[in-house]
Amino acid sequence: MEIFLNNLIEKSKSAIESANKIVITAHLNPDGDALGSSLALYNTLKETKECKVLLPNNIPDTFKWMPGCNEILIWGEETTQILQDADLIFILDYNNASRVDKMQKLLEESKAKKIMIDHHPNPQTELCDVVFSNPEAAATCELMYFFLKKCGLKISEDAATCIYTGLVTDTGCFQFNCTGQQTFQVASELATYKFDRSEVIHHIYDSYSEGRMRLEGYVLSNKMVVFPEYQTAYISLTMAEAEKFDYKVGDTEGFVNLPLSIENVKFSAFFMERDGLIRCSFRSKGDFKVNTIAEKHFNGGGHDNAAGGKSYKPLDEVVKRFVNLLPKVTKKLQKK
């Protein structure tokens, strides 16, 4: 799907050239792709432009090694003026203003030009002046790579490192079905840069705290429930349980994927108390779509094989609702 049309690229180049204050935003609870695309753009623009990355909340320790990460600003009263003063805002790795939480109102009210680069379906196009959206892309970082090249912007070693981080995390080290020909093309071209790719993997997957490792053991041993007849499994976790293991933001990243390592489990869910609500994550294998389940039943959405949602009801009620839905929503998976 060709989304980088010449007229949109020219509008983007013009907006960047004329901007005095650029703000880069990404979604609440930023993952490797959100941070990778944001920091890739930041590391590219900061040499010639006044540019800041402003996020709704703190980033996981797992990603604090990324180039430029120590210059990220976190939303608060003292940062509202930064968003208000911006004349160009980038919206990266999210498709709706609600995904930036308390930043939403100011973002929607801002008169700044806005450019969206994202790979989630159904973008809020009326929010932006320019939209580069392709749900077929494996990661926003994949799109960011082509955006920077199309705009004639030089990709530095630091920017390449950030893009590679987003590719690795959103594709599960290139194993998910979303990984396509263009994904490998970007990865191949990034291989010409001199950053240490094995070091990126080490930072992401081999630098967990002892508490995080013990928390993973706890949820697998005590909190994972498997329904063989539905080829489904789920994990639920209270904040009180997580805090017993010195929980930090990002420690549960990837937990939703764990049950998919079980033979014949093709649908996995993870429910966790956090920020005054229940965060719901869904993953699947093959052609079993989880985004429709997230949309219809858990106030969310996402990709075919990776989606999320939320609920303000108690954890036990959310889990009960999920379990009660299984006979209906997993008909394609039920064993005969």
C-alpha atoms as a PDB file:
ATOM      1  CA  MET A   1       0.000   0.000   0.000  1.00  0.00           C
ATOM      2  CA  GLU A   2       1.566   3.289  -1.122  1.00  0.00           C
ATOM      3  CA  ILE A   3       0.850   5.917   1.512  1.00  0.00           C
ATOM      4  CA  PHE A   4       3.786   8.269   0.957  1.00  0.00           C
ATOM      5  CA  LEU A   5       2.182  10.235  -1.839  1.00  0.00           C
ATOM      6  CA  ASN A   6       4.277  13.072  -3.232  1.00  0.00           C
ATOM      7  CA  ASN A   7       1.831  15.793  -2.230  1.00  0.00           C
ATOM      8  CA  LEU A   8       1.722  14.537   1.377  1.00  0.00           C
ATOM      9  CA  ILE A   9       5.500  14.323   1.564  1.00  0.00           C
ATOM     10  CA  GLU A  10       5.810  17.863   0.203  1.00  0.00           C
ATOM     11  CA  LYS A  11       3.293  19.102   2.781  1.00  0.00           C
ATOM     12  CA  SER A  12       5.261  17.358   5.521  1.00  0.00           C
ATOM     13  CA  LYS A  13       8.595  18.774   4.356  1.00  0.00           C
ATOM     14  CA  SER A  14       7.101  22.252   4.209  1.00  0.00           C
ATOM     15  CA  ALA A  15       5.613  21.894   7.695  1.00  0.00           C
ATOM     16  CA  ILE A  16       8.949  20.764   9.133  1.00  0.00           C
ATOM     17  CA  GLU A  17      10.909  23.525   7.391  1.00  0.00           C
ATOM     18  CA  SER A  18       8.558  26.296   8.547  1.00  0.00           C
ATOM     19  CA  ALA A  19       8.089  25.015  12.110  1.00  0.00           C
ATOM     20  CA  ASN A  20       9.786  26.803  14.990  1.00  0.00           C
ATOM     21  CA  LYS A  21       8.702  24.440  17.758  1.00  0.00           C
ATOM     22  CA  ILE A  22       8.086  20.766  17.035  1.00  0.00           C
ATOM     23  CA  VAL A  23       6.549  18.367  19.564  1.00  0.00           C
ATOM     24  CA  ILE A  24       6.604  14.607  19.050  1.00  0.00           C
ATOM     25  CA  THR A  25       3.911  12.602  20.869  1.00  0.00           C
ATOM     26  CA  ALA A  26       3.212   8.888  21.311  1.00  0.00           C
ATOM     27  CA  HIS A  27       0.624   6.842  23.178  1.00  0.00           C
ATOM     28  CA  LEU A  28       0.113   6.146  26.874  1.00  0.00           C
ATOM     29  CA  ASN A  29       2.322   3.362  28.253  1.00  0.00           C
ATOM     30  CA  PRO A  30       4.779   3.625  25.352  1.00  0.00           C
ATOM     31  CA  ASP A  31       6.262   0.429  23.966  1.00  0.00           C
ATOM     32  CA  GLY A  32       9.326  -0.153  21.816  1.00  0.00           C
ATOM     33  CA  ASP A  33       7.598   0.958  18.624  1.00  0.00           C
ATOM     34  CA  ALA A  34       6.190   4.165  20.119  1.00  0.00           C
ATOM     35  CA  LEU A  35       9.570   5.054  21.609  1.00  0.00           C
ATOM     36  CA  GLY A  36      11.501   3.868  18.579  1.00  0.00           C
ATOM     37  CA  SER A  37       9.544   5.986  16.102  1.00  0.00           C
ATOM     38  CA  SER A  38       9.505   9.017  18.415  1.00  0.00           C
ATOM     39  CA  LEU A  39      13.221   8.932  19.170  1.00  0.00           C
ATOM     40  CA  ALA A  40      14.163   8.150  15.571  1.00  0.00           C
ATOM     41  CA  LEU A  41      12.373  11.315  14.491  1.00  0.00           C
ATOM     42  CA  TYR A  42      13.759  13.306  17.434  1.00  0.00           C
ATOM     43  CA  ASN A  43      17.357  12.247  16.782  1.00  0.00           C
ATOM     44  CA  THR A  44      16.900  13.229  13.146  1.00  0.00           C
ATOM     45  CA  LEU A  45      15.294  16.643  13.666  1.00  0.00           C
ATOM     46  CA  LYS A  46      17.081  17.893  16.781  1.00  0.00           C
ATOM     47  CA  GLU A  47      20.181  18.902  14.833  1.00  0.00           C
ATOM     48  CA  THR A  48      18.335  21.628  12.930  1.00  0.00           C
ATOM     49  CA  LYS A  49      15.057  22.211  14.803  1.00  0.00           C
ATOM     50  CA  GLU A  50      13.768  22.978  18.299  1.00  0.00           C
ATOM     51  CA  CYS A  51      12.211  19.593  18.937  1.00  0.00           C
ATOM     52  CA  LYS A  52      10.873  17.795  22.013  1.00  0.00           C
ATOM     53  CA  VAL A  53       9.365  14.368  22.725  1.00  0.00           C
ATOM     54  CA  LEU A  54       6.388  14.647  25.093  1.00  0.00           C
ATOM     55  CA  LEU A  55       4.759  11.459  26.416  1.00  0.00           C
ATOM     56  CA  PRO A  56       1.666  10.915  28.596  1.00  0.00           C
ATOM     57  CA  ASN A  57       3.495   8.865  31.246  1.00  0.00           C
ATOM     58  CA  ASN A  58       6.808   7.310  32.207  1.00  0.00           C
ATOM     59  CA  ILE A  59       8.640   4.852  30.002  1.00  0.00           C
ATOM     60  CA  PRO A  60       9.662   1.311  31.025  1.00  0.00           C
ATOM     61  CA  ASP A  61      13.194   0.823  32.358  1.00  0.00           C
ATOM     62  CA  THR A  62      13.718  -1.674  29.524  1.00  0.00           C
ATOM     63  CA  PHE A  63      13.971   1.187  27.035  1.00  0.00           C
ATOM     64  CA  LYS A  64      15.838   3.833  29.020  1.00  0.00           C
ATOM     65  CA  TRP A  65      19.079   2.994  27.196  1.00  0.00           C
ATOM     66  CA  MET A  66      17.736   4.263  23.863  1.00  0.00           C
ATOM     67  CA  PRO A  67      19.533   7.258  22.310  1.00  0.00           C
ATOM     68  CA  GLY A  68      17.770  10.461  23.344  1.00  0.00           C
ATOM     69  CA  CYS A  69      15.643   8.763  25.976  1.00  0.00           C
ATOM     70  CA  ASN A  70      17.021  10.915  28.785  1.00  0.00           C
ATOM     71  CA  GLU A  71      15.668  14.002  26.994  1.00  0.00           C
ATOM     72  CA  ILE A  72      12.051  12.793  26.852  1.00  0.00           C
ATOM     73  CA  LEU A  73       9.547  14.966  28.723  1.00  0.00           C
ATOM     74  CA  ILE A  74       6.670  13.444  30.702  1.00  0.00           C
ATOM     75  CA  TRP A  75       3.275  15.138  30.760  1.00  0.00           C
ATOM     76  CA  GLY A  76       2.475  17.358  33.729  1.00  0.00           C
ATOM     77  CA  GLU A  77       1.366  20.895  34.574  1.00  0.00           C
ATOM     78  CA  GLU A  78       4.835  22.203  33.801  1.00  0.00           C
ATOM     79  CA  THR A  79       4.726  20.779  30.256  1.00  0.00           C
ATOM     80  CA  THR A  80       1.320  22.072  29.119  1.00  0.00           C
ATOM     81  CA  GLN A  81       2.893  25.223  27.688  1.00  0.00           C
ATOM     82  CA  ILE A  82       5.176  23.130  25.496  1.00  0.00           C
ATOM     83  CA  LEU A  83       2.180  21.586  23.743  1.00  0.00           C
ATOM     84  CA  GLN A  84       0.372  24.918  23.549  1.00  0.00           C
ATOM     85  CA  ASP A  85       3.379  26.642  21.965  1.00  0.00           C
ATOM     86  CA  ALA A  86       3.978  23.962  19.336  1.00  0.00           C
ATOM     87  CA  ASP A  87       3.416  24.870  15.691  1.00  0.00           C
ATOM     88  CA  LEU A  88       3.942  21.283  14.483  1.00  0.00           C
ATOM     89  CA  ILE A  89       2.899  18.142  16.354  1.00  0.00           C
ATOM     90  CA  PHE A  90       3.740  14.592  15.304  1.00  0.00           C
ATOM     91  CA  ILE A  91       1.267  11.875  16.306  1.00  0.00           C
ATOM     92  CA  LEU A  92       3.173   8.596  16.302  1.00  0.00           C
ATOM     93  CA  ASP A  93       1.995   5.011  16.842  1.00  0.00           C
ATOM     94  CA  TYR A  94      -1.555   5.948  17.833  1.00  0.00           C
ATOM     95  CA  ASN A  95      -4.654   6.588  15.781  1.00  0.00           C
ATOM     96  CA  ASN A  96      -6.924   8.477  18.186  1.00  0.00           C
ATOM     97  CA  ALA A  97      -6.388  11.412  20.540  1.00  0.00           C
ATOM     98  CA  SER A  98      -7.843   9.409  23.428  1.00  0.00           C
ATOM     99  CA  ARG A  99      -4.640   7.326  23.404  1.00  0.00           C
ATOM    100  CA  VAL A 100      -2.659  10.188  24.960  1.00  0.00           C
ATOM    101  CA  ASP A 101      -4.843  10.270  28.074  1.00  0.00           C
ATOM    102  CA  LYS A 102      -4.687  13.648  29.870  1.00  0.00           C
ATOM    103  CA  MET A 103      -2.982  15.271  26.880  1.00  0.00           C
ATOM    104  CA  GLN A 104      -6.066  14.667  24.715  1.00  0.00           C
ATOM    105  CA  LYS A 105      -7.909  17.960  25.261  1.00  0.00           C
ATOM    106  CA  LEU A 106      -4.922  20.199  24.532  1.00  0.00           C
ATOM    107  CA  LEU A 107      -3.938  18.059  21.562  1.00  0.00           C
ATOM    108  CA  GLU A 108      -7.387  18.357  20.011  1.00  0.00           C
ATOM    109  CA  GLU A 109      -7.559  22.094  20.726  1.00  0.00           C
ATOM    110  CA  SER A 110      -4.088  22.850  19.376  1.00  0.00           C
ATOM    111  CA  LYS A 111      -3.943  24.999  16.242  1.00  0.00           C
ATOM    112  CA  ALA A 112      -0.577  23.483  15.321  1.00  0.00           C
ATOM    113  CA  LYS A 113      -0.206  21.489  12.138  1.00  0.00           C
ATOM    114  CA  LYS A 114      -0.364  17.782  12.895  1.00  0.00           C
ATOM    115  CA  ILE A 115       1.214  14.839  11.100  1.00  0.00           C
ATOM    116  CA  MET A 116       0.155  11.293  11.965  1.00  0.00           C
ATOM    117  CA  ILE A 117       2.369   8.289  11.233  1.00  0.00           C
ATOM    118  CA  ASP A 118       0.769   5.068  12.442  1.00  0.00           C
ATOM    119  CA  HIS A 119      -0.079   1.458  11.598  1.00  0.00           C
ATOM    120  CA  HIS A 120      -3.320   0.961  13.541  1.00  0.00           C
ATOM    121  CA  PRO A 121      -6.657   0.668  11.682  1.00  0.00           C
ATOM    122  CA  ASN A 122      -9.314   3.395  11.563  1.00  0.00           C
ATOM    123  CA  PRO A 123      -7.221   6.544  12.144  1.00  0.00           C
ATOM    124  CA  GLN A 124      -8.824   9.751  13.426  1.00  0.00           C
ATOM    125  CA  THR A 125      -8.028  11.555  10.182  1.00  0.00           C
ATOM    126  CA  GLU A 126      -9.921  14.738  11.049  1.00  0.00           C
ATOM    127  CA  LEU A 127      -7.408  15.371  13.835  1.00  0.00           C
ATOM    128  CA  CYS A 128      -4.487  15.818  11.437  1.00  0.00           C
ATOM    129  CA  ASP A 129      -3.366  17.838   8.445  1.00  0.00           C
ATOM    130  CA  VAL A 130      -1.354  14.910   7.059  1.00  0.00           C
ATOM    131  CA  VAL A 131      -1.942  11.215   7.735  1.00  0.00           C
ATOM    132  CA  PHE A 132       0.409   8.366   6.855  1.00  0.00           C
ATOM    133  CA  SER A 133      -1.490   5.273   7.939  1.00  0.00           C
ATOM    134  CA  ASN A 134      -0.936   1.677   6.886  1.00  0.00           C
ATOM    135  CA  PRO A 135      -2.368  -1.161   9.034  1.00  0.00           C
ATOM    136  CA  GLU A 136      -0.423  -3.620   6.886  1.00  0.00           C
ATOM    137  CA  ALA A 137       2.876  -2.281   8.218  1.00  0.00           C
ATOM    138  CA  ALA A 138       4.461  -4.340  10.986  1.00  0.00           C
ATOM    139  CA  ALA A 139       5.401  -1.273  13.019  1.00  0.00           C
ATOM    140  CA  THR A 140       5.231   2.488  12.995  1.00  0.00           C
ATOM    141  CA  CYS A 141       9.037   2.378  12.923  1.00  0.00           C
ATOM    142  CA  GLU A 142       8.796   0.695   9.523  1.00  0.00           C
ATOM    143  CA  LEU A 143       6.773   3.671   8.287  1.00  0.00           C
ATOM    144  CA  MET A 144       9.073   6.144  10.020  1.00  0.00           C
ATOM    145  CA  TYR A 145      12.053   4.747   8.113  1.00  0.00           C
ATOM    146  CA  PHE A 146      10.373   5.375   4.755  1.00  0.00           C
ATOM    147  CA  PHE A 147       9.048   8.768   5.902  1.00  0.00           C
ATOM    148  CA  LEU A 148      12.520  10.012   6.790  1.00  0.00           C
ATOM    149  CA  LYS A 149      13.948   8.767   3.492  1.00  0.00           C
ATOM    150  CA  LYS A 150      11.106  10.234   1.418  1.00  0.00           C
ATOM    151  CA  CYS A 151      11.599  13.594   3.141  1.00  0.00           C
ATOM    152  CA  GLY A 152      15.288  13.516   2.320  1.00  0.00           C
ATOM    153  CA  LEU A 153      16.305  13.477   5.978  1.00  0.00           C
ATOM    154  CA  LYS A 154      19.547  11.753   6.945  1.00  0.00           C
ATOM    155  CA  ILE A 155      19.089   8.753   9.238  1.00  0.00           C
ATOM    156  CA  SER A 156      21.831   8.740  11.872  1.00  0.00           C
ATOM    157  CA  GLU A 157      23.212   5.732  13.738  1.00  0.00           C
ATOM    158  CA  ASP A 158      21.084   6.739  16.742  1.00  0.00           C
ATOM    159  CA  ALA A 159      17.938   7.016  14.637  1.00  0.00           C
ATOM    160  CA  ALA A 160      18.665   3.642  13.000  1.00  0.00           C
ATOM    161  CA  THR A 161      19.070   2.059  16.438  1.00  0.00           C
ATOM    162  CA  CYS A 162      15.666   3.386  17.489  1.00  0.00           C
ATOM    163  CA  ILE A 163      13.947   2.197  14.320  1.00  0.00           C
ATOM    164  CA  TYR A 164      15.442  -1.271  14.714  1.00  0.00           C
ATOM    165  CA  THR A 165      14.184  -1.385  18.315  1.00  0.00           C
ATOM    166  CA  GLY A 166      10.633  -0.715  17.141  1.00  0.00           C
ATOM    167  CA  LEU A 167      10.848  -3.383  14.447  1.00  0.00           C
ATOM    168  CA  VAL A 168      12.173  -5.992  16.868  1.00  0.00           C
ATOM    169  CA  THR A 169       9.566  -5.369  19.556  1.00  0.00           C
ATOM    170  CA  ASP A 170       6.464  -5.060  17.367  1.00  0.00           C
ATOM    171  CA  THR A 171       7.322  -8.151  15.310  1.00  0.00           C
ATOM    172  CA  GLY A 172       8.470 -10.319  18.226  1.00  0.00           C
ATOM    173  CA  CYS A 173      11.944 -10.545  16.695  1.00  0.00           C
ATOM    174  CA  PHE A 174      10.388 -10.925  13.223  1.00  0.00           C
ATOM    175  CA  GLN A 175       8.247 -13.939  14.115  1.00  0.00           C
ATOM    176  CA  PHE A 176       4.719 -12.441  14.013  1.00  0.00           C
ATOM    177  CA  ASN A 177       2.523 -12.667  10.909  1.00  0.00           C
ATOM    178  CA  CYS A 178       2.618  -8.886  10.560  1.00  0.00           C
ATOM    179  CA  THR A 179       6.256  -9.153   9.454  1.00  0.00           C
ATOM    180  CA  GLY A 180       6.220  -8.556   5.715  1.00  0.00           C
ATOM    181  CA  GLN A 181       8.541  -7.963   2.799  1.00  0.00           C
ATOM    182  CA  GLN A 182       8.896  -4.252   3.589  1.00  0.00           C
ATOM    183  CA  THR A 183       9.781  -5.077   7.199  1.00  0.00           C
ATOM    184  CA  PHE A 184      12.683  -7.218   6.066  1.00  0.00           C
ATOM    185  CA  GLN A 185      13.668  -4.569   3.544  1.00  0.00           C
ATOM    186  CA  VAL A 186      13.985  -1.994   6.324  1.00  0.00           C
ATOM    187  CA  ALA A 187      15.850  -4.448   8.559  1.00  0.00           C
ATOM    188  CA  SER A 188      18.216  -5.272   5.700  1.00  0.00           C
ATOM    189  CA  GLU A 189      18.988  -1.616   5.037  1.00  0.00           C
ATOM    190  CA  LEU A 190      19.446  -0.950   8.762  1.00  0.00           C
ATOM    191  CA  ALA A 191      22.073  -3.712   8.760  1.00  0.00           C
ATOM    192  CA  THR A 192      24.345  -1.352   6.830  1.00  0.00           C
ATOM    193  CA  TYR A 193      24.552   0.907   9.881  1.00  0.00           C
ATOM    194  CA  LYS A 194      27.220   0.284  12.508  1.00  0.00           C
ATOM    195  CA  PHE A 195      25.082   0.030  15.651  1.00  0.00           C
ATOM    196  CA  ASP A 196      25.296  -3.253  17.570  1.00  0.00           C
ATOM    197  CA  ARG A 197      22.113  -5.208  16.792  1.00  0.00           C
ATOM    198  CA  SER A 198      22.889  -7.902  19.374  1.00  0.00           C
ATOM    199  CA  GLU A 199      23.193  -5.167  22.003  1.00  0.00           C
ATOM    200  CA  VAL A 200      19.688  -3.951  21.129  1.00  0.00           C
ATOM    201  CA  ILE A 201      18.322  -7.465  21.713  1.00  0.00           C
ATOM    202  CA  HIS A 202      20.257  -7.696  24.976  1.00  0.00           C
ATOM    203  CA  HIS A 203      18.753  -4.454  26.289  1.00  0.00           C
ATOM    204  CA  ILE A 204      15.217  -5.508  25.379  1.00  0.00           C
ATOM    205  CA  TYR A 205      15.182  -9.166  26.398  1.00  0.00           C
ATOM    206  CA  ASP A 206      18.202  -9.868  28.599  1.00  0.00           C
ATOM    207  CA  SER A 207      18.224  -7.050  31.128  1.00  0.00           C
ATOM    208  CA  TYR A 208      15.239  -7.839  33.340  1.00  0.00           C
ATOM    209  CA  SER A 209      15.319  -7.266  37.086  1.00  0.00           C
ATOM    210  CA  GLU A 210      15.174 -10.240  39.422  1.00  0.00           C
ATOM    211  CA  GLY A 211      11.721  -9.073  40.519  1.00  0.00           C
ATOM    212  CA  ARG A 212      10.433  -9.069  36.967  1.00  0.00           C
ATOM    213  CA  MET A 213      11.713 -12.613  36.369  1.00  0.00           C
ATOM    214  CA  ARG A 214      10.101 -13.855  39.568  1.00  0.00           C
ATOM    215  CA  LEU A 215       6.855 -12.106  38.623  1.00  0.00           C
ATOM    216  CA  GLU A 216       6.837 -13.980  35.305  1.00  0.00           C
ATOM    217  CA  GLY A 217       7.346 -17.243  37.163  1.00  0.00           C
ATOM    218  CA  TYR A 218       4.519 -16.366  39.526  1.00  0.00           C
ATOM    219  CA  VAL A 219       1.967 -15.621  36.805  1.00  0.00           C
ATOM    220  CA  LEU A 220       2.853 -18.784  34.871  1.00  0.00           C
ATOM    221  CA  SER A 221       2.634 -20.963  37.951  1.00  0.00           C
ATOM    222  CA  ASN A 222      -0.299 -19.358  39.745  1.00  0.00           C
ATOM    223  CA  LYS A 223      -2.270 -17.076  37.445  1.00  0.00           C
ATOM    224  CA  MET A 224      -2.433 -18.733  34.018  1.00  0.00           C
ATOM    225  CA  VAL A 225      -5.709 -20.487  33.203  1.00  0.00           C
ATOM    226  CA  VAL A 226      -5.928 -22.721  30.139  1.00  0.00           C
ATOM    227  CA  PHE A 227      -9.072 -23.819  28.291  1.00  0.00           C
ATOM    228  CA  PRO A 228      -7.954 -26.603  25.915  1.00  0.00           C
ATOM    229  CA  GLU A 229     -11.441 -26.926  24.440  1.00  0.00           C
ATOM    230  CA  TYR A 230     -11.258 -23.283  23.287  1.00  0.00           C
ATOM    231  CA  GLN A 231      -7.516 -23.285  22.485  1.00  0.00           C
ATOM    232  CA  THR A 232      -7.419 -20.281  24.794  1.00  0.00           C
ATOM    233  CA  ALA A 233      -5.543 -19.171  27.899  1.00  0.00           C
ATOM    234  CA  TYR A 234      -5.538 -16.059  30.049  1.00  0.00           C
ATOM    235  CA  ILE A 235      -3.540 -14.464  32.843  1.00  0.00           C
ATOM    236  CA  SER A 236      -4.922 -11.974  35.361  1.00  0.00           C
ATOM    237  CA  LEU A 237      -2.912  -9.907  37.812  1.00  0.00           C
ATOM    238  CA  THR A 238      -3.778  -7.467  40.590  1.00  0.00           C
ATOM    239  CA  MET A 239      -1.548  -4.537  41.398  1.00  0.00           C
ATOM    240  CA  ALA A 240      -1.117  -5.897  44.923  1.00  0.00           C
ATOM    241  CA  GLU A 241       0.290  -9.129  43.471  1.00  0.00           C
ATOM    242  CA  ALA A 242       2.608  -7.255  41.111  1.00  0.00           C
ATOM    243  CA  GLU A 243       3.948  -5.016  43.878  1.00  0.00           C
ATOM    244  CA  LYS A 244       5.113  -8.057  45.826  1.00  0.00           C
ATOM    245  CA  PHE A 245       7.744  -8.402  43.101  1.00  0.00           C
ATOM    246  CA  ASP A 246       8.907  -4.763  43.143  1.00  0.00           C
ATOM    247  CA  TYR A 247       6.806  -4.010  40.059  1.00  0.00           C
ATOM    248  CA  LYS A 248       7.893  -1.253  37.691  1.00  0.00           C
ATOM    249  CA  VAL A 249       6.150   0.064  34.583  1.00  0.00           C
ATOM    250  CA  GLY A 250       6.889  -2.273  31.697  1.00  0.00           C
ATOM    251  CA  ASP A 251       7.519  -5.388  33.803  1.00  0.00           C
ATOM    252  CA  THR A 252       4.451  -7.136  32.373  1.00  0.00           C
ATOM    253  CA  GLU A 253       5.314  -6.301  28.758  1.00  0.00           C
ATOM    254  CA  GLY A 254       5.043  -9.509  26.748  1.00  0.00           C
ATOM    255  CA  PHE A 255       3.150 -11.492  29.394  1.00  0.00           C
ATOM    256  CA  VAL A 256       0.152 -11.767  27.077  1.00  0.00           C
ATOM    257  CA  ASN A 257       2.306 -13.722  24.615  1.00  0.00           C
ATOM    258  CA  LEU A 258       3.461 -16.340  27.122  1.00  0.00           C
ATOM    259  CA  PRO A 259       0.486 -18.731  26.814  1.00  0.00           C
ATOM    260  CA  LEU A 260       0.891 -18.806  23.030  1.00  0.00           C
ATOM    261  CA  SER A 261       3.991 -20.938  23.572  1.00  0.00           C
ATOM    262  CA  ILE A 262       1.674 -23.762  24.665  1.00  0.00           C
ATOM    263  CA  GLU A 263       0.900 -26.197  21.890  1.00  0.00           C
ATOM    264  CA  ASN A 264      -2.633 -25.708  20.536  1.00  0.00           C
ATOM    265  CA  VAL A 265      -3.200 -22.400  22.353  1.00  0.00           C
ATOM    266  CA  LYS A 266      -4.089 -19.864  19.692  1.00  0.00           C
ATOM    267  CA  PHE A 267      -5.819 -17.150  21.729  1.00  0.00           C
ATOM    268  CA  SER A 268      -4.306 -15.465  24.770  1.00  0.00           C
ATOM    269  CA  ALA A 269      -5.468 -12.655  27.051  1.00  0.00           C
ATOM    270  CA  PHE A 270      -3.881 -10.698  29.871  1.00  0.00           C
ATOM    271  CA  PHE A 271      -5.817  -8.617  32.395  1.00  0.00           C
ATOM    272  CA  MET A 272      -4.161  -6.310  34.910  1.00  0.00           C
ATOM    273  CA  GLU A 273      -5.225  -3.703  37.432  1.00  0.00           C
ATOM    274  CA  ARG A 274      -3.480  -0.455  36.576  1.00  0.00           C
ATOM    275  CA  ASP A 275      -4.105   3.287  36.686  1.00  0.00           C
ATOM    276  CA  GLY A 276      -7.541   2.858  38.273  1.00  0.00           C
ATOM    277  CA  LEU A 277      -8.879   0.465  35.635  1.00  0.00           C
ATOM    278  CA  ILE A 278      -8.329  -2.944  34.085  1.00  0.00           C
ATOM    279  CA  ARG A 279      -5.960  -3.076  31.119  1.00  0.00           C
ATOM    280  CA  CYS A 280      -6.827  -5.857  28.681  1.00  0.00           C
ATOM    281  CA  SER A 281      -4.421  -7.299  26.117  1.00  0.00           C
ATOM    282  CA  PHE A 282      -5.235  -9.903  23.471  1.00  0.00           C
ATOM    283  CA  ARG A 283      -3.016 -11.918  21.135  1.00  0.00           C
ATOM    284  CA  SER A 284      -3.701 -14.708  18.667  1.00  0.00           C
ATOM    285  CA  LYS A 285      -2.169 -16.959  16.047  1.00  0.00           C
ATOM    286  CA  GLY A 286      -3.201 -17.483  12.455  1.00  0.00           C
ATOM    287  CA  ASP A 287      -6.441 -16.026  11.124  1.00  0.00           C
ATOM    288  CA  PHE A 288      -8.203 -15.761  14.487  1.00  0.00           C
ATOM    289  CA  LYS A 289      -8.946 -12.046  14.909  1.00  0.00           C
ATOM    290  CA  VAL A 290      -8.820 -10.484  18.361  1.00  0.00           C
ATOM    291  CA  ASN A 291      -9.403  -6.843  17.423  1.00  0.00           C
ATOM    292  CA  THR A 292     -13.122  -7.473  16.919  1.00  0.00           C
ATOM    293  CA  ILE A 293     -13.338  -9.009  20.408  1.00  0.00           C
ATOM    294  CA  ALA A 294     -11.544  -5.991  21.880  1.00  0.00           C
ATOM    295  CA  GLU A 295     -13.837  -3.583  20.040  1.00  0.00           C
ATOM    296  CA  LYS A 296     -17.156  -5.278  20.813  1.00  0.00           C
ATOM    297  CA  HIS A 297     -16.572  -6.313  24.409  1.00  0.00           C
ATOM    298  CA  PHE A 298     -13.651  -4.408  25.985  1.00  0.00           C
ATOM    299  CA  ASN A 299     -13.766  -0.801  24.721  1.00  0.00           C
ATOM    300  CA  GLY A 300     -10.675  -1.226  22.591  1.00  0.00           C
ATOM    301  CA  GLY A 301      -9.321  -2.282  19.232  1.00  0.00           C
ATOM    302  CA  GLY A 302      -6.107  -2.944  17.382  1.00  0.00           C
ATOM    303  CA  HIS A 303      -4.690  -5.359  14.851  1.00  0.00           C
ATOM    304  CA  ASP A 304      -6.042  -8.764  13.810  1.00  0.00           C
ATOM    305  CA  ASN A 305      -3.568 -10.644  16.002  1.00  0.00           C
ATOM    306  CA  ALA A 306      -2.749  -7.998  18.615  1.00  0.00           C
ATOM    307  CA  ALA A 307      -5.307  -5.780  20.316  1.00  0.00           C
ATOM    308  CA  GLY A 308      -6.130  -4.173  23.623  1.00  0.00           C
ATOM    309  CA  GLY A 309      -8.936  -2.712  25.650  1.00  0.00           C
ATOM    310  CA  LYS A 310      -9.957  -1.460  29.064  1.00  0.00           C
ATOM    311  CA  SER A 311     -12.687  -1.713  31.667  1.00  0.00           C
ATOM    312  CA  TYR A 312     -13.581   0.228  34.802  1.00  0.00           C
ATOM    313  CA  LYS A 313     -15.224  -2.801  36.393  1.00  0.00           C
ATOM    314  CA  PRO A 314     -13.458  -4.939  39.037  1.00  0.00           C
ATOM    315  CA  LEU A 315     -10.890  -7.432  37.778  1.00  0.00           C
ATOM    316  CA  ASP A 316     -12.922 -10.503  38.720  1.00  0.00           C
ATOM    317  CA  GLU A 317     -15.925  -9.179  36.772  1.00  0.00           C
ATOM    318  CA  VAL A 318     -13.812  -8.501  33.674  1.00  0.00           C
ATOM    319  CA  VAL A 319     -12.300 -11.980  33.805  1.00  0.00           C
ATOM    320  CA  LYS A 320     -15.728 -13.549  34.318  1.00  0.00           C
ATOM    321  CA  ARG A 321     -17.047 -11.667  31.287  1.00  0.00           C
ATOM    322  CA  PHE A 322     -14.129 -12.911  29.205  1.00  0.00           C
ATOM    323  CA  VAL A 323     -14.620 -16.535  30.271  1.00  0.00           C
ATOM    324  CA  ASN A 324     -18.361 -16.361  29.591  1.00  0.00           C
ATOM    325  CA  LEU A 325     -17.665 -15.052  26.090  1.00  0.00           C
ATOM    326  CA  LEU A 326     -15.334 -17.897  25.129  1.00  0.00           C
ATOM    327  CA  PRO A 327     -17.947 -20.425  23.921  1.00  0.00           C
ATOM    328  CA  LYS A 328     -19.266 -17.809  21.499  1.00  0.00           C
ATOM    329  CA  VAL A 329     -16.161 -15.940  20.316  1.00  0.00           C
ATOM    330  CA  THR A 330     -13.911 -18.971  19.870  1.00  0.00           C
ATOM    331  CA  LYS A 331     -16.168 -21.096  17.686  1.00  0.00           C
ATOM    332  CA  LYS A 332     -13.438 -21.244  15.025  1.00  0.00           C
ATOM    333  CA  LEU A 333     -11.016 -22.652  17.603  1.00  0.00           C
ATOM    334  CA  GLN A 334     -13.192 -25.098  19.496  1.00  0.00           C
ATOM    335  CA  LYS A 335     -12.140 -28.714  19.227  1.00  0.00           C
ATOM    336  CA  LYS A 336     -14.605 -31.067  17.696  1.00  0.00           C
END
